N, C-alpha and C. Protein backbone atom coordinates (compact mmCIF):
# COMPACT_ATOMS: atom_id res chain seq x y z
N UNK A 1 -6.15 15.63 -21.14
CA UNK A 1 -6.60 14.51 -20.60
C UNK A 1 -5.80 13.25 -21.01
N UNK A 2 -5.51 12.33 -20.16
CA UNK A 2 -4.64 11.14 -20.49
C UNK A 2 -5.63 10.17 -21.27
N UNK A 3 -5.42 9.77 -22.44
CA UNK A 3 -6.12 8.67 -23.03
C UNK A 3 -5.44 7.33 -22.98
N UNK A 4 -5.96 6.41 -22.32
CA UNK A 4 -5.08 5.25 -22.03
C UNK A 4 -5.95 4.00 -22.29
N UNK A 5 -7.16 4.13 -22.83
CA UNK A 5 -8.02 2.99 -23.07
C UNK A 5 -8.49 2.44 -21.95
N UNK A 6 -8.90 3.16 -20.79
CA UNK A 6 -9.24 2.66 -19.72
C UNK A 6 -8.08 2.29 -18.56
N UNK A 7 -7.01 2.34 -18.85
CA UNK A 7 -5.86 1.91 -17.82
C UNK A 7 -5.12 3.46 -17.58
N UNK A 8 -4.49 3.36 -16.34
CA UNK A 8 -4.01 4.45 -15.91
C UNK A 8 -2.58 4.02 -15.31
N UNK A 9 -1.55 5.04 -15.10
CA UNK A 9 -0.40 4.46 -14.50
C UNK A 9 -0.42 4.52 -12.86
N UNK A 10 0.21 3.56 -12.15
CA UNK A 10 0.27 3.72 -10.90
C UNK A 10 1.67 3.41 -10.50
N UNK A 11 2.15 3.78 -9.45
CA UNK A 11 3.59 3.66 -9.05
C UNK A 11 3.77 2.18 -8.72
N UNK A 12 4.75 1.59 -9.24
CA UNK A 12 5.27 0.13 -8.86
C UNK A 12 5.59 0.26 -7.30
N UNK A 13 5.19 -0.72 -6.53
CA UNK A 13 5.46 -0.79 -5.23
C UNK A 13 6.57 -1.84 -4.77
N UNK A 14 7.51 -2.27 -5.82
CA UNK A 14 8.49 -3.21 -5.49
C UNK A 14 9.45 -2.59 -4.49
N UNK A 15 10.37 -3.49 -4.03
CA UNK A 15 11.35 -2.79 -3.10
C UNK A 15 12.72 -2.53 -3.72
N UNK A 16 12.72 -2.23 -5.05
CA UNK A 16 13.97 -1.69 -5.51
C UNK A 16 14.21 -0.30 -5.44
N UNK A 17 15.23 0.18 -4.85
CA UNK A 17 15.42 1.47 -4.69
C UNK A 17 15.35 2.49 -5.81
N UNK A 18 14.71 3.48 -5.81
CA UNK A 18 14.47 4.48 -6.95
C UNK A 18 13.60 4.01 -8.07
N UNK A 19 12.81 2.92 -7.85
CA UNK A 19 11.75 2.45 -8.81
C UNK A 19 10.79 3.20 -9.01
N UNK A 20 10.39 3.84 -10.03
CA UNK A 20 9.19 4.58 -10.37
C UNK A 20 8.66 4.27 -11.52
N UNK A 21 8.68 2.86 -11.93
CA UNK A 21 8.23 2.24 -13.07
C UNK A 21 6.73 2.25 -12.96
N UNK A 22 5.85 2.50 -14.00
CA UNK A 22 4.47 2.64 -13.98
C UNK A 22 3.91 1.05 -14.02
N UNK A 23 2.72 0.86 -13.39
CA UNK A 23 1.93 -0.26 -13.36
C UNK A 23 0.83 0.33 -13.87
N UNK A 24 0.47 -0.38 -15.16
CA UNK A 24 -0.72 0.25 -15.85
C UNK A 24 -1.96 -0.83 -15.67
N UNK A 25 -2.77 -0.25 -14.99
CA UNK A 25 -3.95 -0.88 -14.58
C UNK A 25 -5.23 -0.15 -14.79
N UNK A 26 -6.44 -0.67 -14.78
CA UNK A 26 -7.56 0.08 -14.82
C UNK A 26 -7.89 0.45 -13.40
N UNK A 27 -8.80 1.41 -13.18
CA UNK A 27 -9.11 1.67 -11.72
C UNK A 27 -9.80 0.61 -11.02
N UNK A 28 -10.57 -0.29 -11.66
CA UNK A 28 -11.19 -1.45 -11.13
C UNK A 28 -10.14 -2.35 -10.75
N UNK A 29 -9.04 -2.74 -11.53
CA UNK A 29 -7.97 -3.48 -11.06
C UNK A 29 -7.28 -3.27 -9.94
N UNK A 30 -7.00 -1.71 -9.88
CA UNK A 30 -6.23 -1.10 -8.63
C UNK A 30 -7.15 -1.50 -7.44
N UNK A 31 -8.38 -0.95 -7.65
CA UNK A 31 -9.40 -1.13 -6.49
C UNK A 31 -9.46 -2.54 -5.93
N UNK A 32 -9.53 -3.70 -6.85
CA UNK A 32 -9.45 -4.97 -6.58
C UNK A 32 -8.14 -5.45 -5.78
N UNK A 33 -7.01 -4.99 -6.10
CA UNK A 33 -5.84 -5.20 -5.45
C UNK A 33 -5.72 -4.71 -4.03
N UNK A 34 -6.28 -3.42 -4.10
CA UNK A 34 -6.29 -2.84 -2.63
C UNK A 34 -7.15 -3.66 -1.60
N UNK A 35 -8.31 -4.06 -2.12
CA UNK A 35 -9.37 -4.80 -1.32
C UNK A 35 -8.61 -6.11 -0.98
N UNK A 36 -7.92 -6.68 -1.94
CA UNK A 36 -7.11 -8.09 -1.55
C UNK A 36 -5.85 -7.94 -0.76
N UNK A 37 -5.51 -6.54 -0.52
CA UNK A 37 -4.17 -6.34 0.22
C UNK A 37 -2.99 -6.62 -0.48
N UNK A 38 -3.12 -6.66 -1.85
CA UNK A 38 -2.08 -6.85 -2.77
C UNK A 38 -1.28 -5.76 -3.13
N UNK A 39 0.11 -5.77 -3.34
CA UNK A 39 0.82 -4.68 -3.65
C UNK A 39 0.73 -4.63 -5.19
N UNK A 40 1.12 -3.51 -5.78
CA UNK A 40 1.08 -3.09 -7.03
C UNK A 40 2.53 -3.05 -7.60
N UNK A 41 2.75 -3.97 -8.77
CA UNK A 41 3.92 -4.01 -9.32
C UNK A 41 3.96 -3.81 -10.86
N UNK A 42 5.09 -2.99 -11.43
CA UNK A 42 4.89 -2.73 -12.84
C UNK A 42 5.20 -4.19 -13.38
N UNK A 43 4.98 -4.31 -14.84
CA UNK A 43 4.94 -5.57 -15.52
C UNK A 43 6.30 -6.27 -15.36
N UNK A 44 7.34 -5.55 -15.54
CA UNK A 44 8.68 -6.17 -15.57
C UNK A 44 9.01 -6.75 -14.17
N UNK A 45 8.54 -6.06 -13.03
CA UNK A 45 8.77 -6.48 -11.72
C UNK A 45 7.76 -7.81 -11.54
N UNK A 46 6.56 -7.56 -11.80
CA UNK A 46 5.62 -8.76 -11.65
C UNK A 46 6.17 -9.94 -12.43
N UNK A 47 6.77 -9.93 -13.57
CA UNK A 47 7.28 -11.07 -14.28
C UNK A 47 8.47 -11.51 -13.59
N UNK A 48 9.38 -10.91 -13.24
CA UNK A 48 10.44 -11.37 -12.35
C UNK A 48 10.04 -12.02 -11.16
N UNK A 49 9.03 -11.56 -10.29
CA UNK A 49 8.54 -12.33 -9.11
C UNK A 49 7.95 -13.62 -9.60
N UNK A 50 7.40 -13.80 -10.75
CA UNK A 50 6.75 -14.97 -11.12
C UNK A 50 7.75 -16.15 -11.44
N UNK A 51 9.07 -15.72 -11.42
CA UNK A 51 10.17 -16.81 -12.09
C UNK A 51 10.53 -17.57 -10.82
């Protein structure tokens, strides 16, 4: 069993070819993003998009 203190790895959905970086989210955060129609990004990709 994976013990991650409530977070799980989801695949980053950025447009970089070959990116398989994990986006560490709780299931609730993932579900919220899906309801909002948002994409899931790994932390490094999310930071780069914020610049």
